[in-house]
Amino acid sequence: MRIHTKRIYEKPEPSDGHRILIDRLWPRGLSKEKAHVDFWAKSIAPSDELRRWYQHDPEKWDEFRARYFAELDTNADGLAELRSHLEGDVVTILFGSKEEHLNNAAALLEYLKSSS
């Protein structure tokens, strides 16, 4: 299985495979029909407190990852639910952030690869 990340505001493509949104809040200005989300995994998104603290500050990236991984380590139910939706040959993890590299999707992908 290949897992990719993609900004949810980008056009959905058949090559995206199974599309999973991992933000706690629904992306602004985007209808559920246009988003083509197969599963909304909000239970494994970073906590509101962590999201507010990080604010996509590149200097906080390493600490954000460490804190987010700690949250994931204590969220067995959320991870089990997510893993039950990791199906098919291709999965695309969707995020809403304008920051395309240092975001929760990139951190989650790293976490999933290290824990598989």
PDB file of N, CA and C in Angstrom:
ATOM      1  N   MET A   1       0.848  -1.181   0.000  1.00  0.00           N
ATOM      2  CA  MET A   1       0.000   0.000   0.000  1.00  0.00           C
ATOM      3  C   MET A   1       0.892   1.242   0.000  1.00  0.00           C
ATOM      4  N   ARG A   2       0.499   2.203  -0.792  1.00  0.00           N
ATOM      5  CA  ARG A   2       1.186   3.493  -0.827  1.00  0.00           C
ATOM      6  C   ARG A   2       0.305   4.514  -0.123  1.00  0.00           C
ATOM      7  N   ILE A   3       0.916   5.305   0.746  1.00  0.00           N
ATOM      8  CA  ILE A   3       0.187   6.366   1.441  1.00  0.00           C
ATOM      9  C   ILE A   3       0.823   7.689   1.050  1.00  0.00           C
ATOM     10  N   HIS A   4      -0.004   8.600   0.574  1.00  0.00           N
ATOM     11  CA  HIS A   4       0.436   9.932   0.166  1.00  0.00           C
ATOM     12  C   HIS A   4      -0.248  10.966   1.048  1.00  0.00           C
ATOM     13  N   THR A   5       0.247  12.184   0.994  1.00  0.00           N
ATOM     14  CA  THR A   5      -0.434  13.307   1.628  1.00  0.00           C
ATOM     15  C   THR A   5      -0.792  14.314   0.539  1.00  0.00           C
ATOM     16  N   LYS A   6      -1.856  15.056   0.804  1.00  0.00           N
ATOM     17  CA  LYS A   6      -2.313  16.033  -0.185  1.00  0.00           C
ATOM     18  C   LYS A   6      -3.164  17.070   0.525  1.00  0.00           C
ATOM     19  N   ARG A   7      -3.031  18.301   0.089  1.00  0.00           N
ATOM     20  CA  ARG A   7      -3.881  19.362   0.616  1.00  0.00           C
ATOM     21  C   ARG A   7      -5.309  19.152   0.112  1.00  0.00           C
ATOM     22  N   ILE A   8      -6.277  19.218   1.000  1.00  0.00           N
ATOM     23  CA  ILE A   8      -7.659  18.902   0.637  1.00  0.00           C
ATOM     24  C   ILE A   8      -8.229  19.865  -0.391  1.00  0.00           C
ATOM     25  N   TYR A   9      -7.657  21.049  -0.503  1.00  0.00           N
ATOM     26  CA  TYR A   9      -8.161  22.027  -1.469  1.00  0.00           C
ATOM     27  C   TYR A   9      -7.700  21.727  -2.899  1.00  0.00           C
ATOM     28  N   GLU A  10      -6.768  20.791  -3.049  1.00  0.00           N
ATOM     29  CA  GLU A  10      -6.362  20.378  -4.394  1.00  0.00           C
ATOM     30  C   GLU A  10      -7.459  19.489  -4.988  1.00  0.00           C
ATOM     31  N   LYS A  11      -7.550  19.505  -6.301  1.00  0.00           N
ATOM     32  CA  LYS A  11      -8.583  18.743  -6.991  1.00  0.00           C
ATOM     33  C   LYS A  11      -8.449  17.241  -6.705  1.00  0.00           C
ATOM     34  N   PRO A  12      -9.550  16.589  -6.328  1.00  0.00           N
ATOM     35  CA  PRO A  12      -9.505  15.131  -6.143  1.00  0.00           C
ATOM     36  C   PRO A  12      -9.211  14.435  -7.469  1.00  0.00           C
ATOM     37  N   GLU A  13      -8.391  13.408  -7.410  1.00  0.00           N
ATOM     38  CA  GLU A  13      -8.017  12.631  -8.591  1.00  0.00           C
ATOM     39  C   GLU A  13      -8.305  11.161  -8.325  1.00  0.00           C
ATOM     40  N   PRO A  14      -8.661  10.407  -9.349  1.00  0.00           N
ATOM     41  CA  PRO A  14      -8.846   8.962  -9.159  1.00  0.00           C
ATOM     42  C   PRO A  14      -7.598   8.292  -8.576  1.00  0.00           C
ATOM     43  N   SER A  15      -6.421   8.828  -8.895  1.00  0.00           N
ATOM     44  CA  SER A  15      -5.171   8.245  -8.393  1.00  0.00           C
ATOM     45  C   SER A  15      -4.976   8.459  -6.889  1.00  0.00           C
ATOM     46  N   ASP A  16      -5.857   9.263  -6.252  1.00  0.00           N
ATOM     47  CA  ASP A  16      -5.772   9.468  -4.795  1.00  0.00           C
ATOM     48  C   ASP A  16      -6.137   8.202  -4.033  1.00  0.00           C
ATOM     49  N   GLY A  17      -6.904   7.331  -4.644  1.00  0.00           N
ATOM     50  CA  GLY A  17      -7.357   6.140  -3.934  1.00  0.00           C
ATOM     51  C   GLY A  17      -8.319   6.508  -2.820  1.00  0.00           C
ATOM     52  N   HIS A  18      -8.169   5.860  -1.673  1.00  0.00           N
ATOM     53  CA  HIS A  18      -9.030   6.099  -0.508  1.00  0.00           C
ATOM     54  C   HIS A  18      -8.582   7.395   0.166  1.00  0.00           C
ATOM     55  N   ARG A  19      -9.480   8.363   0.281  1.00  0.00           N
ATOM     56  CA  ARG A  19      -9.131   9.700   0.791  1.00  0.00           C
ATOM     57  C   ARG A  19      -9.570   9.850   2.250  1.00  0.00           C
ATOM     58  N   ILE A  20      -8.592  10.169   3.127  1.00  0.00           N
ATOM     59  CA  ILE A  20      -8.841  10.281   4.560  1.00  0.00           C
ATOM     60  C   ILE A  20      -8.428  11.668   5.038  1.00  0.00           C
ATOM     61  N   LEU A  21      -9.376  12.407   5.581  1.00  0.00           N
ATOM     62  CA  LEU A  21      -9.103  13.729   6.158  1.00  0.00           C
ATOM     63  C   LEU A  21      -8.694  13.550   7.607  1.00  0.00           C
ATOM     64  N   ILE A  22      -7.601  14.203   8.019  1.00  0.00           N
ATOM     65  CA  ILE A  22      -7.129  14.045   9.394  1.00  0.00           C
ATOM     66  C   ILE A  22      -7.057  15.365  10.160  1.00  0.00           C
ATOM     67  N   ASP A  23      -7.903  16.295   9.835  1.00  0.00           N
ATOM     68  CA  ASP A  23      -7.997  17.540  10.584  1.00  0.00           C
ATOM     69  C   ASP A  23      -9.164  17.460  11.555  1.00  0.00           C
ATOM     70  N   ARG A  24      -9.018  18.123  12.680  1.00  0.00           N
ATOM     71  CA  ARG A  24     -10.085  18.134  13.679  1.00  0.00           C
ATOM     72  C   ARG A  24     -11.262  19.003  13.229  1.00  0.00           C
ATOM     73  N   LEU A  25     -10.960  20.056  12.464  1.00  0.00           N
ATOM     74  CA  LEU A  25     -11.999  20.966  11.979  1.00  0.00           C
ATOM     75  C   LEU A  25     -12.194  20.750  10.483  1.00  0.00           C
ATOM     76  N   TRP A  26     -13.447  20.856  10.033  1.00  0.00           N
ATOM     77  CA  TRP A  26     -13.713  20.731   8.598  1.00  0.00           C
ATOM     78  C   TRP A  26     -13.116  21.941   7.883  1.00  0.00           C
ATOM     79  N   PRO A  27     -12.459  21.760   6.749  1.00  0.00           N
ATOM     80  CA  PRO A  27     -11.836  22.870   6.016  1.00  0.00           C
ATOM     81  C   PRO A  27     -12.856  23.923   5.576  1.00  0.00           C
ATOM     82  N   ARG A  28     -12.503  25.165   5.788  1.00  0.00           N
ATOM     83  CA  ARG A  28     -13.385  26.287   5.449  1.00  0.00           C
ATOM     84  C   ARG A  28     -13.663  26.355   3.958  1.00  0.00           C
ATOM     85  N   GLY A  29     -14.909  26.664   3.645  1.00  0.00           N
ATOM     86  CA  GLY A  29     -15.287  26.944   2.271  1.00  0.00           C
ATOM     87  C   GLY A  29     -15.320  25.742   1.347  1.00  0.00           C
ATOM     88  N   LEU A  30     -15.271  24.553   1.895  1.00  0.00           N
ATOM     89  CA  LEU A  30     -15.247  23.351   1.069  1.00  0.00           C
ATOM     90  C   LEU A  30     -16.429  22.459   1.448  1.00  0.00           C
ATOM     91  N   SER A  31     -17.267  22.172   0.471  1.00  0.00           N
ATOM     92  CA  SER A  31     -18.411  21.307   0.748  1.00  0.00           C
ATOM     93  C   SER A  31     -17.945  19.857   0.838  1.00  0.00           C
ATOM     94  N   LYS A  32     -18.701  19.059   1.542  1.00  0.00           N
ATOM     95  CA  LYS A  32     -18.363  17.642   1.665  1.00  0.00           C
ATOM     96  C   LYS A  32     -18.432  16.940   0.315  1.00  0.00           C
ATOM     97  N   GLU A  33     -19.323  17.410  -0.555  1.00  0.00           N
ATOM     98  CA  GLU A  33     -19.422  16.815  -1.885  1.00  0.00           C
ATOM     99  C   GLU A  33     -18.154  17.075  -2.703  1.00  0.00           C
ATOM    100  N   LYS A  34     -17.647  18.295  -2.658  1.00  0.00           N
ATOM    101  CA  LYS A  34     -16.455  18.638  -3.427  1.00  0.00           C
ATOM    102  C   LYS A  34     -15.182  18.025  -2.839  1.00  0.00           C
ATOM    103  N   ALA A  35     -15.195  17.742  -1.553  1.00  0.00           N
ATOM    104  CA  ALA A  35     -14.003  17.224  -0.881  1.00  0.00           C
ATOM    105  C   ALA A  35     -13.729  15.764  -1.217  1.00  0.00           C
ATOM    106  N   HIS A  36     -14.775  15.010  -1.516  1.00  0.00           N
ATOM    107  CA  HIS A  36     -14.629  13.585  -1.832  1.00  0.00           C
ATOM    108  C   HIS A  36     -13.822  12.848  -0.758  1.00  0.00           C
ATOM    109  N   VAL A  37     -14.225  13.023   0.499  1.00  0.00           N
ATOM    110  CA  VAL A  37     -13.557  12.373   1.619  1.00  0.00           C
ATOM    111  C   VAL A  37     -14.256  11.040   1.894  1.00  0.00           C
ATOM    112  N   ASP A  38     -13.467   9.979   1.947  1.00  0.00           N
ATOM    113  CA  ASP A  38     -14.014   8.658   2.247  1.00  0.00           C
ATOM    114  C   ASP A  38     -14.149   8.431   3.749  1.00  0.00           C
ATOM    115  N   PHE A  39     -13.263   9.050   4.524  1.00  0.00           N
ATOM    116  CA  PHE A  39     -13.309   8.911   5.979  1.00  0.00           C
ATOM    117  C   PHE A  39     -12.697  10.153   6.613  1.00  0.00           C
ATOM    118  N   TRP A  40     -13.377  10.677   7.629  1.00  0.00           N
ATOM    119  CA  TRP A  40     -12.872  11.837   8.366  1.00  0.00           C
ATOM    120  C   TRP A  40     -12.364  11.334   9.711  1.00  0.00           C
ATOM    121  N   ALA A  41     -11.054  11.264   9.849  1.00  0.00           N
ATOM    122  CA  ALA A  41     -10.415  10.722  11.046  1.00  0.00           C
ATOM    123  C   ALA A  41     -10.063  11.832  12.027  1.00  0.00           C
ATOM    124  N   LYS A  42     -11.067  12.577  12.455  1.00  0.00           N
ATOM    125  CA  LYS A  42     -10.788  13.719  13.333  1.00  0.00           C
ATOM    126  C   LYS A  42     -10.300  13.296  14.705  1.00  0.00           C
ATOM    127  N   SER A  43     -10.571  12.047  15.104  1.00  0.00           N
ATOM    128  CA  SER A  43     -10.149  11.610  16.441  1.00  0.00           C
ATOM    129  C   SER A  43      -8.634  11.434  16.562  1.00  0.00           C
ATOM    130  N   ILE A  44      -7.918  11.375  15.438  1.00  0.00           N
ATOM    131  CA  ILE A  44      -6.466  11.255  15.531  1.00  0.00           C
ATOM    132  C   ILE A  44      -5.747  12.545  15.132  1.00  0.00           C
ATOM    133  N   ALA A  45      -6.499  13.586  14.881  1.00  0.00           N
ATOM    134  CA  ALA A  45      -5.892  14.892  14.591  1.00  0.00           C
ATOM    135  C   ALA A  45      -5.235  15.427  15.864  1.00  0.00           C
ATOM    136  N   PRO A  46      -4.260  16.304  15.717  1.00  0.00           N
ATOM    137  CA  PRO A  46      -3.661  16.907  16.908  1.00  0.00           C
ATOM    138  C   PRO A  46      -4.732  17.607  17.752  1.00  0.00           C
ATOM    139  N   SER A  47      -4.526  17.601  19.060  1.00  0.00           N
ATOM    140  CA  SER A  47      -5.469  18.267  19.961  1.00  0.00           C
ATOM    141  C   SER A  47      -5.534  19.762  19.638  1.00  0.00           C
ATOM    142  N   ASP A  48      -6.632  20.379  20.041  1.00  0.00           N
ATOM    143  CA  ASP A  48      -6.771  21.825  19.827  1.00  0.00           C
ATOM    144  C   ASP A  48      -5.621  22.580  20.493  1.00  0.00           C
ATOM    145  N   GLU A  49      -5.248  22.138  21.689  1.00  0.00           N
ATOM    146  CA  GLU A  49      -4.162  22.805  22.416  1.00  0.00           C
ATOM    147  C   GLU A  49      -2.849  22.722  21.640  1.00  0.00           C
ATOM    148  N   LEU A  50      -2.552  21.539  21.111  1.00  0.00           N
ATOM    149  CA  LEU A  50      -1.309  21.364  20.355  1.00  0.00           C
ATOM    150  C   LEU A  50      -1.352  22.160  19.060  1.00  0.00           C
ATOM    151  N   ARG A  51      -2.460  22.131  18.379  1.00  0.00           N
ATOM    152  CA  ARG A  51      -2.614  22.877  17.124  1.00  0.00           C
ATOM    153  C   ARG A  51      -2.414  24.370  17.354  1.00  0.00           C
ATOM    154  N   ARG A  52      -3.022  24.898  18.410  1.00  0.00           N
ATOM    155  CA  ARG A  52      -2.884  26.338  18.706  1.00  0.00           C
ATOM    156  C   ARG A  52      -1.449  26.688  19.084  1.00  0.00           C
ATOM    157  N   TRP A  53      -0.799  25.806  19.841  1.00  0.00           N
ATOM    158  CA  TRP A  53       0.577  26.055  20.254  1.00  0.00           C
ATOM    159  C   TRP A  53       1.508  26.070  19.035  1.00  0.00           C
ATOM    160  N   TYR A  54       1.347  25.118  18.152  1.00  0.00           N
ATOM    161  CA  TYR A  54       2.258  24.975  17.003  1.00  0.00           C
ATOM    162  C   TYR A  54       2.119  26.110  15.995  1.00  0.00           C
ATOM    163  N   GLN A  55       0.937  26.401  15.545  1.00  0.00           N
ATOM    164  CA  GLN A  55       0.652  27.445  14.561  1.00  0.00           C
ATOM    165  C   GLN A  55       1.591  27.414  13.357  1.00  0.00           C
ATOM    166  N   HIS A  56       2.021  26.223  12.971  1.00  0.00           N
ATOM    167  CA  HIS A  56       2.876  26.002  11.802  1.00  0.00           C
ATOM    168  C   HIS A  56       4.160  26.829  11.839  1.00  0.00           C
ATOM    169  N   ASP A  57       4.710  26.991  13.038  1.00  0.00           N
ATOM    170  CA  ASP A  57       5.993  27.658  13.219  1.00  0.00           C
ATOM    171  C   ASP A  57       7.099  26.632  12.964  1.00  0.00           C
ATOM    172  N   PRO A  58       7.885  26.789  11.905  1.00  0.00           N
ATOM    173  CA  PRO A  58       8.921  25.801  11.574  1.00  0.00           C
ATOM    174  C   PRO A  58       9.896  25.535  12.724  1.00  0.00           C
ATOM    175  N   GLU A  59      10.129  26.534  13.564  1.00  0.00           N
ATOM    176  CA  GLU A  59      11.044  26.342  14.689  1.00  0.00           C
ATOM    177  C   GLU A  59      10.471  25.392  15.737  1.00  0.00           C
ATOM    178  N   LYS A  60       9.156  25.190  15.725  1.00  0.00           N
ATOM    179  CA  LYS A  60       8.510  24.295  16.687  1.00  0.00           C
ATOM    180  C   LYS A  60       8.253  22.900  16.113  1.00  0.00           C
ATOM    181  N   TRP A  61       8.677  22.639  14.876  1.00  0.00           N
ATOM    182  CA  TRP A  61       8.337  21.388  14.195  1.00  0.00           C
ATOM    183  C   TRP A  61       8.753  20.140  14.982  1.00  0.00           C
ATOM    184  N   ASP A  62       9.999  20.075  15.413  1.00  0.00           N
ATOM    185  CA  ASP A  62      10.470  18.874  16.112  1.00  0.00           C
ATOM    186  C   ASP A  62       9.672  18.638  17.397  1.00  0.00           C
ATOM    187  N   GLU A  63       9.425  19.697  18.136  1.00  0.00           N
ATOM    188  CA  GLU A  63       8.636  19.567  19.374  1.00  0.00           C
ATOM    189  C   GLU A  63       7.187  19.218  19.056  1.00  0.00           C
ATOM    190  N   PHE A  64       6.631  19.792  17.992  1.00  0.00           N
ATOM    191  CA  PHE A  64       5.266  19.447  17.571  1.00  0.00           C
ATOM    192  C   PHE A  64       5.170  17.956  17.284  1.00  0.00           C
ATOM    193  N   ARG A  65       6.111  17.433  16.495  1.00  0.00           N
ATOM    194  CA  ARG A  65       6.101  16.003  16.161  1.00  0.00           C
ATOM    195  C   ARG A  65       6.166  15.145  17.421  1.00  0.00           C
ATOM    196  N   ALA A  66       7.055  15.499  18.327  1.00  0.00           N
ATOM    197  CA  ALA A  66       7.187  14.731  19.566  1.00  0.00           C
ATOM    198  C   ALA A  66       5.883  14.745  20.369  1.00  0.00           C
ATOM    199  N   ARG A  67       5.272  15.910  20.489  1.00  0.00           N
ATOM    200  CA  ARG A  67       4.013  16.010  21.238  1.00  0.00           C
ATOM    201  C   ARG A  67       2.871  15.285  20.522  1.00  0.00           C
ATOM    202  N   TYR A  68       2.821  15.403  19.203  1.00  0.00           N
ATOM    203  CA  TYR A  68       1.769  14.735  18.441  1.00  0.00           C
ATOM    204  C   TYR A  68       1.949  13.218  18.524  1.00  0.00           C
ATOM    205  N   PHE A  69       3.177  12.741  18.402  1.00  0.00           N
ATOM    206  CA  PHE A  69       3.427  11.299  18.527  1.00  0.00           C
ATOM    207  C   PHE A  69       3.008  10.805  19.904  1.00  0.00           C
ATOM    208  N   ALA A  70       3.250  11.602  20.946  1.00  0.00           N
ATOM    209  CA  ALA A  70       2.823  11.220  22.298  1.00  0.00           C
ATOM    210  C   ALA A  70       1.301  11.129  22.363  1.00  0.00           C
ATOM    211  N   GLU A  71       0.609  12.068  21.715  1.00  0.00           N
ATOM    212  CA  GLU A  71      -0.857  11.991  21.669  1.00  0.00           C
ATOM    213  C   GLU A  71      -1.307  10.720  20.939  1.00  0.00           C
ATOM    214  N   LEU A  72      -0.667  10.423  19.829  1.00  0.00           N
ATOM    215  CA  LEU A  72      -1.029   9.228  19.074  1.00  0.00           C
ATOM    216  C   LEU A  72      -0.757   7.952  19.872  1.00  0.00           C
ATOM    217  N   ASP A  73       0.339   7.944  20.627  1.00  0.00           N
ATOM    218  CA  ASP A  73       0.679   6.779  21.445  1.00  0.00           C
ATOM    219  C   ASP A  73      -0.402   6.455  22.466  1.00  0.00           C
ATOM    220  N   THR A  74      -1.159   7.461  22.875  1.00  0.00           N
ATOM    221  CA  THR A  74      -2.209   7.252  23.880  1.00  0.00           C
ATOM    222  C   THR A  74      -3.593   7.175  23.251  1.00  0.00           C
ATOM    223  N   ASN A  75      -3.662   7.054  21.938  1.00  0.00           N
ATOM    224  CA  ASN A  75      -4.941   7.039  21.236  1.00  0.00           C
ATOM    225  C   ASN A  75      -5.104   5.742  20.431  1.00  0.00           C
ATOM    226  N   ALA A  76      -5.057   4.630  21.135  1.00  0.00           N
ATOM    227  CA  ALA A  76      -5.142   3.321  20.465  1.00  0.00           C
ATOM    228  C   ALA A  76      -6.448   3.168  19.687  1.00  0.00           C
ATOM    229  N   ASP A  77      -7.555   3.647  20.249  1.00  0.00           N
ATOM    230  CA  ASP A  77      -8.844   3.507  19.558  1.00  0.00           C
ATOM    231  C   ASP A  77      -8.867   4.303  18.259  1.00  0.00           C
ATOM    232  N   GLY A  78      -8.382   5.538  18.308  1.00  0.00           N
ATOM    233  CA  GLY A  78      -8.350   6.371  17.105  1.00  0.00           C
ATOM    234  C   GLY A  78      -7.455   5.777  16.025  1.00  0.00           C
ATOM    235  N   LEU A  79      -6.298   5.251  16.438  1.00  0.00           N
ATOM    236  CA  LEU A  79      -5.390   4.634  15.468  1.00  0.00           C
ATOM    237  C   LEU A  79      -5.976   3.355  14.884  1.00  0.00           C
ATOM    238  N   ALA A  80      -6.649   2.569  15.717  1.00  0.00           N
ATOM    239  CA  ALA A  80      -7.286   1.349  15.214  1.00  0.00           C
ATOM    240  C   ALA A  80      -8.365   1.694  14.195  1.00  0.00           C
ATOM    241  N   GLU A  81      -9.140   2.745  14.497  1.00  0.00           N
ATOM    242  CA  GLU A  81     -10.173   3.178  13.559  1.00  0.00           C
ATOM    243  C   GLU A  81      -9.538   3.644  12.250  1.00  0.00           C
ATOM    244  N   LEU A  82      -8.470   4.428  12.343  1.00  0.00           N
ATOM    245  CA  LEU A  82      -7.773   4.881  11.134  1.00  0.00           C
ATOM    246  C   LEU A  82      -7.253   3.689  10.340  1.00  0.00           C
ATOM    247  N   ARG A  83      -6.588   2.770  11.014  1.00  0.00           N
ATOM    248  CA  ARG A  83      -6.003   1.617  10.313  1.00  0.00           C
ATOM    249  C   ARG A  83      -7.074   0.777   9.627  1.00  0.00           C
ATOM    250  N   SER A  84      -8.274   0.757  10.180  1.00  0.00           N
ATOM    251  CA  SER A  84      -9.349  -0.002   9.531  1.00  0.00           C
ATOM    252  C   SER A  84      -9.774   0.641   8.212  1.00  0.00           C
ATOM    253  N   HIS A  85      -9.404   1.902   8.013  1.00  0.00           N
ATOM    254  CA  HIS A  85      -9.734   2.617   6.779  1.00  0.00           C
ATOM    255  C   HIS A  85      -8.546   2.724   5.822  1.00  0.00           C
ATOM    256  N   LEU A  86      -7.416   2.168   6.208  1.00  0.00           N
ATOM    257  CA  LEU A  86      -6.258   2.147   5.312  1.00  0.00           C
ATOM    258  C   LEU A  86      -6.415   0.951   4.395  1.00  0.00           C
ATOM    259  N   GLU A  87      -7.181   1.158   3.339  1.00  0.00           N
ATOM    260  CA  GLU A  87      -7.535   0.058   2.448  1.00  0.00           C
ATOM    261  C   GLU A  87      -7.195   0.400   1.013  1.00  0.00           C
ATOM    262  N   GLY A  88      -7.025  -0.628   0.218  1.00  0.00           N
ATOM    263  CA  GLY A  88      -6.725  -0.425  -1.192  1.00  0.00           C
ATOM    264  C   GLY A  88      -5.239  -0.256  -1.426  1.00  0.00           C
ATOM    265  N   ASP A  89      -4.893  -0.067  -2.681  1.00  0.00           N
ATOM    266  CA  ASP A  89      -3.488   0.077  -3.061  1.00  0.00           C
ATOM    267  C   ASP A  89      -2.934   1.449  -2.717  1.00  0.00           C
ATOM    268  N   VAL A  90      -3.800   2.459  -2.758  1.00  0.00           N
ATOM    269  CA  VAL A  90      -3.361   3.836  -2.527  1.00  0.00           C
ATOM    270  C   VAL A  90      -4.296   4.506  -1.525  1.00  0.00           C
ATOM    271  N   VAL A  91      -3.693   5.197  -0.565  1.00  0.00           N
ATOM    272  CA  VAL A  91      -4.439   5.991   0.411  1.00  0.00           C
ATOM    273  C   VAL A  91      -3.845   7.389   0.384  1.00  0.00           C
ATOM    274  N   THR A  92      -4.704   8.395   0.399  1.00  0.00           N
ATOM    275  CA  THR A  92      -4.242   9.779   0.465  1.00  0.00           C
ATOM    276  C   THR A  92      -4.735  10.389   1.761  1.00  0.00           C
ATOM    277  N   ILE A  93      -3.790  10.853   2.568  1.00  0.00           N
ATOM    278  CA  ILE A  93      -4.105  11.532   3.815  1.00  0.00           C
ATOM    279  C   ILE A  93      -4.239  13.017   3.493  1.00  0.00           C
ATOM    280  N   LEU A  94      -5.404  13.548   3.787  1.00  0.00           N
ATOM    281  CA  LEU A  94      -5.728  14.934   3.429  1.00  0.00           C
ATOM    282  C   LEU A  94      -5.566  15.866   4.629  1.00  0.00           C
ATOM    283  N   PHE A  95      -5.093  17.073   4.352  1.00  0.00           N
ATOM    284  CA  PHE A  95      -4.927  18.106   5.379  1.00  0.00           C
ATOM    285  C   PHE A  95      -5.350  19.444   4.805  1.00  0.00           C
ATOM    286  N   GLY A  96      -5.698  20.378   5.665  1.00  0.00           N
ATOM    287  CA  GLY A  96      -6.157  21.679   5.216  1.00  0.00           C
ATOM    288  C   GLY A  96      -5.116  22.778   5.271  1.00  0.00           C
ATOM    289  N   SER A  97      -4.043  22.570   5.979  1.00  0.00           N
ATOM    290  CA  SER A  97      -3.032  23.597   6.192  1.00  0.00           C
ATOM    291  C   SER A  97      -2.442  24.128   4.894  1.00  0.00           C
ATOM    292  N   LYS A  98      -2.100  25.412   4.894  1.00  0.00           N
ATOM    293  CA  LYS A  98      -1.375  25.995   3.760  1.00  0.00           C
ATOM    294  C   LYS A  98       0.075  25.519   3.756  1.00  0.00           C
ATOM    295  N   GLU A  99       0.574  25.152   4.923  1.00  0.00           N
ATOM    296  CA  GLU A  99       1.935  24.622   5.051  1.00  0.00           C
ATOM    297  C   GLU A  99       1.934  23.191   4.527  1.00  0.00           C
ATOM    298  N   GLU A 100       2.589  22.970   3.391  1.00  0.00           N
ATOM    299  CA  GLU A 100       2.477  21.683   2.720  1.00  0.00           C
ATOM    300  C   GLU A 100       3.467  20.621   3.190  1.00  0.00           C
ATOM    301  N   HIS A 101       4.466  20.994   3.993  1.00  0.00           N
ATOM    302  CA  HIS A 101       5.472  20.015   4.394  1.00  0.00           C
ATOM    303  C   HIS A 101       5.518  19.775   5.896  1.00  0.00           C
ATOM    304  N   LEU A 102       5.386  20.802   6.680  1.00  0.00           N
ATOM    305  CA  LEU A 102       5.474  20.677   8.135  1.00  0.00           C
ATOM    306  C   LEU A 102       4.065  20.761   8.725  1.00  0.00           C
ATOM    307  N   ASN A 103       3.305  19.685   8.542  1.00  0.00           N
ATOM    308  CA  ASN A 103       1.908  19.679   8.993  1.00  0.00           C
ATOM    309  C   ASN A 103       1.569  18.337   9.626  1.00  0.00           C
ATOM    310  N   ASN A 104       0.370  18.235  10.158  1.00  0.00           N
ATOM    311  CA  ASN A 104      -0.028  17.023  10.859  1.00  0.00           C
ATOM    312  C   ASN A 104      -0.062  15.800   9.944  1.00  0.00           C
ATOM    313  N   ALA A 105      -0.366  15.965   8.671  1.00  0.00           N
ATOM    314  CA  ALA A 105      -0.383  14.825   7.747  1.00  0.00           C
ATOM    315  C   ALA A 105       1.022  14.259   7.567  1.00  0.00           C
ATOM    316  N   ALA A 106       2.003  15.131   7.408  1.00  0.00           N
ATOM    317  CA  ALA A 106       3.390  14.673   7.264  1.00  0.00           C
ATOM    318  C   ALA A 106       3.844  13.963   8.532  1.00  0.00           C
ATOM    319  N   ALA A 107       3.489  14.517   9.681  1.00  0.00           N
ATOM    320  CA  ALA A 107       3.861  13.884  10.950  1.00  0.00           C
ATOM    321  C   ALA A 107       3.163  12.534  11.104  1.00  0.00           C
ATOM    322  N   LEU A 108       1.883  12.464  10.772  1.00  0.00           N
ATOM    323  CA  LEU A 108       1.150  11.207  10.891  1.00  0.00           C
ATOM    324  C   LEU A 108       1.730  10.151   9.949  1.00  0.00           C
ATOM    325  N   LEU A 109       2.062  10.521   8.746  1.00  0.00           N
ATOM    326  CA  LEU A 109       2.646   9.582   7.796  1.00  0.00           C
ATOM    327  C   LEU A 109       3.957   9.018   8.362  1.00  0.00           C
ATOM    328  N   GLU A 110       4.774   9.887   8.925  1.00  0.00           N
ATOM    329  CA  GLU A 110       6.030   9.443   9.550  1.00  0.00           C
ATOM    330  C   GLU A 110       5.740   8.470  10.704  1.00  0.00           C
ATOM    331  N   TYR A 111       4.750   8.809  11.515  1.00  0.00           N
ATOM    332  CA  TYR A 111       4.374   7.958  12.646  1.00  0.00           C
ATOM    333  C   TYR A 111       3.911   6.585  12.166  1.00  0.00           C
ATOM    334  N   LEU A 112       3.050   6.562  11.162  1.00  0.00           N
ATOM    335  CA  LEU A 112       2.536   5.287  10.649  1.00  0.00           C
ATOM    336  C   LEU A 112       3.643   4.423  10.072  1.00  0.00           C
ATOM    337  N   LYS A 113       4.585   5.044   9.376  1.00  0.00           N
ATOM    338  CA  LYS A 113       5.692   4.273   8.801  1.00  0.00           C
ATOM    339  C   LYS A 113       6.592   3.701   9.891  1.00  0.00           C
ATOM    340  N   SER A 114       6.787   4.450  10.969  1.00  0.00           N
ATOM    341  CA  SER A 114       7.677   3.978  12.037  1.00  0.00           C
ATOM    342  C   SER A 114       7.004   2.944  12.940  1.00  0.00           C
ATOM    343  N   SER A 115       5.680   2.901  12.925  1.00  0.00           N
ATOM    344  CA  SER A 115       4.987   1.970  13.825  1.00  0.00           C
ATOM    345  C   SER A 115       4.391   0.772  13.092  1.00  0.00           C
ATOM    346  N   SER A 116       4.703   0.618  11.823  1.00  0.00           N
ATOM    347  CA  SER A 116       4.103  -0.510  11.086  1.00  0.00           C
ATOM    348  C   SER A 116       4.975  -1.745  11.139  1.00  0.00           C
TER     349      SER A 116
END
